[in-house]
Amino acid sequence: MELKYSLKFYWGIILILLSLILGLVSKITFIFYFYDSYLQMLSAVIYIFSWPLLILGVWWVGKEYADSLRRYFHYHYYHEHLKRGSHKIYDATKALREKTHEKALKIKEQVKGRVTKRRK
């Protein structure tokens, strides 16, 4: 079973990375330009703006990934796997039974033929 993710999943990863980069840059700017109040305010706004991006990205990635894991480990997956294996075994057993049944009929006919020869 191959796991494939939607476009939303990949956008979520991009949002997470963007949020982390923006947060890091804004923290560095806030620390190094401590005496420039305009840059400090801009850094604070960017830092605050990075949190919703992070939350949205985690939501999209987490929901998609959790759904895919749930599908992977779900009973239906194992049920289908067991069903396919059971059908294979059933078909192999059926073919062997038919082959054995044919051999048994031949042996029965041979034995019947010998018994009728002895009686004559």
N, C-alpha and C. Protein backbone atom coordinates (compact mmCIF):
# COMPACT_ATOMS: atom_id res chain seq x y z
N MET A 1 0.85 -1.17 0.00
CA MET A 1 0.00 0.00 0.00
C MET A 1 0.90 1.24 0.00
N GLU A 2 0.72 2.02 -0.98
CA GLU A 2 1.56 3.20 -1.11
C GLU A 2 0.85 4.41 -0.51
N LEU A 3 1.61 5.19 0.24
CA LEU A 3 1.04 6.37 0.87
C LEU A 3 1.27 7.57 -0.04
N LYS A 4 0.20 8.22 -0.42
CA LYS A 4 0.29 9.43 -1.24
C LYS A 4 -0.38 10.56 -0.49
N TYR A 5 0.23 11.72 -0.56
CA TYR A 5 -0.29 12.87 0.17
C TYR A 5 -0.85 13.90 -0.81
N SER A 6 -1.74 14.71 -0.30
CA SER A 6 -2.38 15.72 -1.13
C SER A 6 -1.51 16.96 -1.21
N LEU A 7 -1.95 17.88 -2.03
CA LEU A 7 -1.26 19.16 -2.18
C LEU A 7 -1.30 19.94 -0.87
N LYS A 8 -2.37 19.78 -0.13
CA LYS A 8 -2.52 20.46 1.16
C LYS A 8 -1.41 20.03 2.14
N PHE A 9 -1.04 18.77 2.10
CA PHE A 9 0.03 18.25 2.95
C PHE A 9 1.35 18.97 2.65
N TYR A 10 1.67 19.07 1.38
CA TYR A 10 2.93 19.71 0.99
C TYR A 10 2.90 21.21 1.28
N TRP A 11 1.75 21.84 1.11
CA TRP A 11 1.63 23.26 1.47
C TRP A 11 1.78 23.42 2.98
N GLY A 12 1.32 22.47 3.73
CA GLY A 12 1.50 22.51 5.18
C GLY A 12 2.97 22.47 5.56
N ILE A 13 3.73 21.62 4.90
CA ILE A 13 5.18 21.57 5.15
C ILE A 13 5.83 22.89 4.80
N ILE A 14 5.43 23.48 3.67
CA ILE A 14 5.98 24.78 3.27
C ILE A 14 5.63 25.85 4.30
N LEU A 15 4.39 25.83 4.80
CA LEU A 15 3.99 26.80 5.82
C LEU A 15 4.79 26.64 7.11
N ILE A 16 5.04 25.41 7.51
CA ILE A 16 5.82 25.17 8.72
C ILE A 16 7.24 25.71 8.55
N LEU A 17 7.86 25.39 7.42
CA LEU A 17 9.22 25.88 7.17
C LEU A 17 9.26 27.40 7.10
N LEU A 18 8.29 27.99 6.41
CA LEU A 18 8.22 29.45 6.31
C LEU A 18 8.04 30.08 7.69
N SER A 19 7.20 29.48 8.51
CA SER A 19 6.98 30.00 9.86
C SER A 19 8.25 29.94 10.69
N LEU A 20 8.96 28.83 10.61
CA LEU A 20 10.20 28.70 11.37
C LEU A 20 11.25 29.70 10.91
N ILE A 21 11.36 29.88 9.60
CA ILE A 21 12.33 30.85 9.07
C ILE A 21 11.96 32.27 9.48
N LEU A 22 10.68 32.62 9.32
CA LEU A 22 10.24 33.97 9.71
C LEU A 22 10.44 34.21 11.21
N GLY A 23 10.13 33.23 12.01
CA GLY A 23 10.31 33.36 13.46
C GLY A 23 11.76 33.54 13.84
N LEU A 24 12.64 32.77 13.21
CA LEU A 24 14.07 32.87 13.51
C LEU A 24 14.64 34.22 13.08
N VAL A 25 14.29 34.64 11.86
CA VAL A 25 14.77 35.94 11.36
C VAL A 25 14.24 37.08 12.21
N SER A 26 12.99 37.02 12.60
CA SER A 26 12.43 38.11 13.42
C SER A 26 13.07 38.16 14.81
N LYS A 27 13.38 36.99 15.40
CA LYS A 27 14.06 36.98 16.69
C LYS A 27 15.46 37.58 16.58
N ILE A 28 16.17 37.19 15.53
CA ILE A 28 17.52 37.72 15.33
C ILE A 28 17.48 39.23 15.10
N THR A 29 16.54 39.68 14.29
CA THR A 29 16.39 41.11 14.03
C THR A 29 16.02 41.85 15.32
N PHE A 30 15.16 41.29 16.10
CA PHE A 30 14.74 41.92 17.36
C PHE A 30 15.93 42.08 18.32
N ILE A 31 16.78 41.06 18.38
CA ILE A 31 17.93 41.10 19.29
C ILE A 31 19.02 42.05 18.79
N PHE A 32 19.37 41.97 17.51
CA PHE A 32 20.49 42.77 17.00
C PHE A 32 20.15 44.25 16.81
N TYR A 33 18.90 44.54 16.52
CA TYR A 33 18.49 45.94 16.34
C TYR A 33 17.66 46.38 17.55
N PHE A 34 18.25 46.20 18.72
CA PHE A 34 17.56 46.49 19.96
C PHE A 34 17.23 47.98 20.12
N TYR A 35 18.05 48.86 19.57
CA TYR A 35 17.84 50.31 19.74
C TYR A 35 16.97 50.93 18.66
N ASP A 36 16.65 50.17 17.62
CA ASP A 36 15.77 50.69 16.56
C ASP A 36 14.35 50.21 16.84
N SER A 37 13.50 51.11 17.31
CA SER A 37 12.15 50.70 17.73
C SER A 37 11.29 50.28 16.53
N TYR A 38 11.50 50.89 15.35
CA TYR A 38 10.72 50.51 14.17
C TYR A 38 11.00 49.06 13.79
N LEU A 39 12.27 48.66 13.74
CA LEU A 39 12.61 47.28 13.40
C LEU A 39 12.16 46.31 14.49
N GLN A 40 12.19 46.75 15.72
CA GLN A 40 11.71 45.88 16.80
C GLN A 40 10.21 45.63 16.67
N MET A 41 9.46 46.66 16.37
CA MET A 41 8.01 46.49 16.20
C MET A 41 7.71 45.62 14.99
N LEU A 42 8.44 45.86 13.90
CA LEU A 42 8.25 45.06 12.69
C LEU A 42 8.61 43.60 12.97
N SER A 43 9.68 43.37 13.70
CA SER A 43 10.08 42.00 14.07
C SER A 43 9.02 41.33 14.94
N ALA A 44 8.47 42.08 15.87
CA ALA A 44 7.43 41.52 16.74
C ALA A 44 6.18 41.16 15.94
N VAL A 45 5.80 42.03 15.00
CA VAL A 45 4.62 41.74 14.17
C VAL A 45 4.86 40.51 13.30
N ILE A 46 6.05 40.42 12.70
CA ILE A 46 6.37 39.26 11.87
C ILE A 46 6.41 37.99 12.72
N TYR A 47 6.96 38.08 13.91
CA TYR A 47 7.01 36.93 14.80
C TYR A 47 5.60 36.47 15.18
N ILE A 48 4.75 37.41 15.51
CA ILE A 48 3.36 37.07 15.84
C ILE A 48 2.64 36.49 14.62
N PHE A 49 2.94 37.02 13.44
CA PHE A 49 2.34 36.52 12.20
C PHE A 49 2.81 35.10 11.87
N SER A 50 4.00 34.73 12.32
CA SER A 50 4.55 33.41 12.01
C SER A 50 3.81 32.29 12.76
N TRP A 51 3.24 32.60 13.92
CA TRP A 51 2.56 31.57 14.70
C TRP A 51 1.32 31.00 14.01
N PRO A 52 0.43 31.82 13.46
CA PRO A 52 -0.72 31.22 12.74
C PRO A 52 -0.28 30.37 11.54
N LEU A 53 0.80 30.79 10.88
CA LEU A 53 1.31 29.97 9.78
C LEU A 53 1.76 28.60 10.29
N LEU A 54 2.45 28.61 11.41
CA LEU A 54 2.91 27.35 12.01
C LEU A 54 1.72 26.47 12.40
N ILE A 55 0.74 27.06 13.04
CA ILE A 55 -0.42 26.30 13.49
C ILE A 55 -1.19 25.71 12.30
N LEU A 56 -1.40 26.52 11.27
CA LEU A 56 -2.10 26.03 10.08
C LEU A 56 -1.31 24.93 9.39
N GLY A 57 0.01 25.12 9.28
CA GLY A 57 0.85 24.10 8.65
C GLY A 57 0.83 22.79 9.41
N VAL A 58 0.93 22.88 10.73
CA VAL A 58 0.89 21.66 11.56
C VAL A 58 -0.47 20.99 11.45
N TRP A 59 -1.52 21.78 11.39
CA TRP A 59 -2.87 21.22 11.25
C TRP A 59 -3.01 20.45 9.94
N TRP A 60 -2.57 21.05 8.85
CA TRP A 60 -2.69 20.40 7.54
C TRP A 60 -1.83 19.15 7.47
N VAL A 61 -0.60 19.25 7.89
CA VAL A 61 0.30 18.10 7.82
C VAL A 61 -0.15 17.02 8.79
N GLY A 62 -0.45 17.41 10.01
CA GLY A 62 -0.84 16.43 11.02
C GLY A 62 -2.11 15.70 10.67
N LYS A 63 -3.10 16.41 10.17
CA LYS A 63 -4.37 15.77 9.82
C LYS A 63 -4.18 14.78 8.67
N GLU A 64 -3.46 15.21 7.66
CA GLU A 64 -3.23 14.34 6.50
C GLU A 64 -2.40 13.12 6.88
N TYR A 65 -1.35 13.35 7.64
CA TYR A 65 -0.47 12.25 8.03
C TYR A 65 -1.19 11.29 8.97
N ALA A 66 -1.95 11.81 9.89
CA ALA A 66 -2.70 10.95 10.81
C ALA A 66 -3.74 10.13 10.04
N ASP A 67 -4.39 10.74 9.06
CA ASP A 67 -5.36 10.00 8.25
C ASP A 67 -4.69 8.88 7.47
N SER A 68 -3.52 9.16 6.92
CA SER A 68 -2.83 8.12 6.15
C SER A 68 -2.35 7.00 7.06
N LEU A 69 -1.88 7.33 8.26
CA LEU A 69 -1.50 6.29 9.20
C LEU A 69 -2.70 5.47 9.66
N ARG A 70 -3.80 6.15 9.87
CA ARG A 70 -5.02 5.46 10.27
C ARG A 70 -5.47 4.49 9.18
N ARG A 71 -5.40 4.93 7.93
CA ARG A 71 -5.77 4.04 6.83
C ARG A 71 -4.82 2.86 6.75
N TYR A 72 -3.55 3.13 6.97
CA TYR A 72 -2.55 2.07 6.86
C TYR A 72 -2.74 1.01 7.92
N PHE A 73 -3.01 1.44 9.14
CA PHE A 73 -3.15 0.49 10.23
C PHE A 73 -4.58 0.05 10.48
N HIS A 74 -5.45 0.48 9.67
CA HIS A 74 -6.87 0.17 9.87
C HIS A 74 -7.12 -1.31 9.63
N TYR A 75 -8.13 -1.82 10.27
CA TYR A 75 -8.50 -3.22 10.15
C TYR A 75 -8.79 -3.62 8.71
N HIS A 76 -9.36 -2.72 7.95
CA HIS A 76 -9.72 -3.05 6.57
C HIS A 76 -8.50 -3.47 5.75
N TYR A 77 -7.38 -2.78 5.96
CA TYR A 77 -6.15 -3.12 5.24
C TYR A 77 -5.77 -4.56 5.53
N TYR A 78 -5.77 -4.93 6.80
CA TYR A 78 -5.40 -6.29 7.17
C TYR A 78 -6.46 -7.28 6.74
N HIS A 79 -7.71 -6.85 6.79
CA HIS A 79 -8.79 -7.72 6.34
C HIS A 79 -8.62 -8.05 4.86
N GLU A 80 -8.33 -7.03 4.05
CA GLU A 80 -8.14 -7.27 2.61
C GLU A 80 -6.93 -8.16 2.36
N HIS A 81 -5.86 -7.95 3.10
CA HIS A 81 -4.67 -8.76 2.96
C HIS A 81 -4.98 -10.22 3.30
N LEU A 82 -5.70 -10.42 4.39
CA LEU A 82 -6.09 -11.76 4.81
C LEU A 82 -7.04 -12.39 3.79
N LYS A 83 -7.92 -11.58 3.25
CA LYS A 83 -8.89 -12.07 2.27
C LYS A 83 -8.18 -12.55 1.00
N ARG A 84 -7.22 -11.75 0.52
CA ARG A 84 -6.46 -12.15 -0.68
C ARG A 84 -5.69 -13.44 -0.43
N GLY A 85 -5.04 -13.54 0.74
CA GLY A 85 -4.29 -14.75 1.07
C GLY A 85 -5.19 -15.95 1.19
N SER A 86 -6.35 -15.77 1.78
CA SER A 86 -7.29 -16.88 1.93
C SER A 86 -7.80 -17.36 0.57
N HIS A 87 -8.05 -16.42 -0.33
CA HIS A 87 -8.50 -16.82 -1.68
C HIS A 87 -7.41 -17.59 -2.41
N LYS A 88 -6.16 -17.18 -2.24
CA LYS A 88 -5.06 -17.91 -2.87
C LYS A 88 -4.99 -19.34 -2.34
N ILE A 89 -5.08 -19.48 -1.03
CA ILE A 89 -5.02 -20.80 -0.42
C ILE A 89 -6.21 -21.65 -0.86
N TYR A 90 -7.39 -21.02 -0.90
CA TYR A 90 -8.60 -21.74 -1.31
C TYR A 90 -8.46 -22.25 -2.74
N ASP A 91 -7.98 -21.38 -3.64
CA ASP A 91 -7.83 -21.79 -5.03
C ASP A 91 -6.80 -22.90 -5.19
N ALA A 92 -5.68 -22.79 -4.46
CA ALA A 92 -4.67 -23.84 -4.53
C ALA A 92 -5.20 -25.16 -3.98
N THR A 93 -5.94 -25.10 -2.89
CA THR A 93 -6.51 -26.31 -2.30
C THR A 93 -7.57 -26.91 -3.21
N LYS A 94 -8.36 -26.07 -3.84
CA LYS A 94 -9.39 -26.56 -4.76
C LYS A 94 -8.76 -27.28 -5.95
N ALA A 95 -7.70 -26.71 -6.49
CA ALA A 95 -7.02 -27.34 -7.62
C ALA A 95 -6.40 -28.68 -7.19
N LEU A 96 -5.81 -28.71 -6.02
CA LEU A 96 -5.23 -29.96 -5.51
C LEU A 96 -6.31 -30.99 -5.25
N ARG A 97 -7.46 -30.55 -4.75
CA ARG A 97 -8.56 -31.47 -4.49
C ARG A 97 -9.07 -32.09 -5.79
N GLU A 98 -9.21 -31.26 -6.82
CA GLU A 98 -9.69 -31.77 -8.10
C GLU A 98 -8.70 -32.77 -8.69
N LYS A 99 -7.43 -32.45 -8.57
CA LYS A 99 -6.39 -33.35 -9.08
C LYS A 99 -6.40 -34.67 -8.31
N THR A 100 -6.52 -34.60 -6.99
CA THR A 100 -6.57 -35.79 -6.16
C THR A 100 -7.84 -36.59 -6.44
N HIS A 101 -8.95 -35.89 -6.64
CA HIS A 101 -10.21 -36.55 -6.94
C HIS A 101 -10.12 -37.33 -8.25
N GLU A 102 -9.49 -36.74 -9.25
CA GLU A 102 -9.31 -37.43 -10.54
C GLU A 102 -8.45 -38.67 -10.37
N LYS A 103 -7.37 -38.57 -9.60
CA LYS A 103 -6.52 -39.72 -9.36
C LYS A 103 -7.29 -40.80 -8.61
N ALA A 104 -8.09 -40.40 -7.64
CA ALA A 104 -8.87 -41.37 -6.87
C ALA A 104 -9.87 -42.10 -7.77
N LEU A 105 -10.49 -41.37 -8.70
CA LEU A 105 -11.43 -42.02 -9.63
C LEU A 105 -10.71 -43.02 -10.53
N LYS A 106 -9.52 -42.66 -11.00
CA LYS A 106 -8.75 -43.59 -11.84
C LYS A 106 -8.39 -44.85 -11.07
N ILE A 107 -7.94 -44.66 -9.83
CA ILE A 107 -7.58 -45.81 -9.00
C ILE A 107 -8.81 -46.66 -8.73
N LYS A 108 -9.93 -46.02 -8.48
CA LYS A 108 -11.18 -46.74 -8.22
C LYS A 108 -11.58 -47.57 -9.44
N GLU A 109 -11.42 -46.96 -10.62
CA GLU A 109 -11.75 -47.70 -11.85
C GLU A 109 -10.79 -48.87 -12.06
N GLN A 110 -9.50 -48.65 -11.74
CA GLN A 110 -8.53 -49.74 -11.87
C GLN A 110 -8.86 -50.88 -10.91
N VAL A 111 -9.20 -50.52 -9.68
CA VAL A 111 -9.54 -51.54 -8.69
C VAL A 111 -10.81 -52.26 -9.11
N LYS A 112 -11.77 -51.54 -9.61
CA LYS A 112 -13.02 -52.12 -10.06
C LYS A 112 -12.77 -53.09 -11.22
N GLY A 113 -11.87 -52.68 -12.10
CA GLY A 113 -11.54 -53.53 -13.23
C GLY A 113 -10.85 -54.80 -12.79
N ARG A 114 -9.99 -54.73 -11.79
CA ARG A 114 -9.30 -55.93 -11.29
C ARG A 114 -10.30 -56.84 -10.58
N VAL A 115 -11.22 -56.26 -9.82
CA VAL A 115 -12.20 -57.07 -9.11
C VAL A 115 -13.09 -57.80 -10.11
N THR A 116 -13.51 -57.15 -11.19
CA THR A 116 -14.37 -57.81 -12.17
C THR A 116 -13.60 -58.88 -12.92
N LYS A 117 -12.29 -58.70 -13.11
CA LYS A 117 -11.48 -59.74 -13.79
C LYS A 117 -11.36 -60.97 -12.89
N ARG A 118 -11.23 -60.79 -11.60
CA ARG A 118 -11.08 -61.90 -10.68
C ARG A 118 -12.38 -62.71 -10.58
N ARG A 119 -13.50 -62.06 -10.67
CA ARG A 119 -14.78 -62.73 -10.55
C ARG A 119 -15.09 -63.57 -11.80
N LYS A 120 -14.52 -63.22 -12.88
CA LYS A 120 -14.82 -63.95 -14.11
C LYS A 120 -14.04 -65.16 -14.24
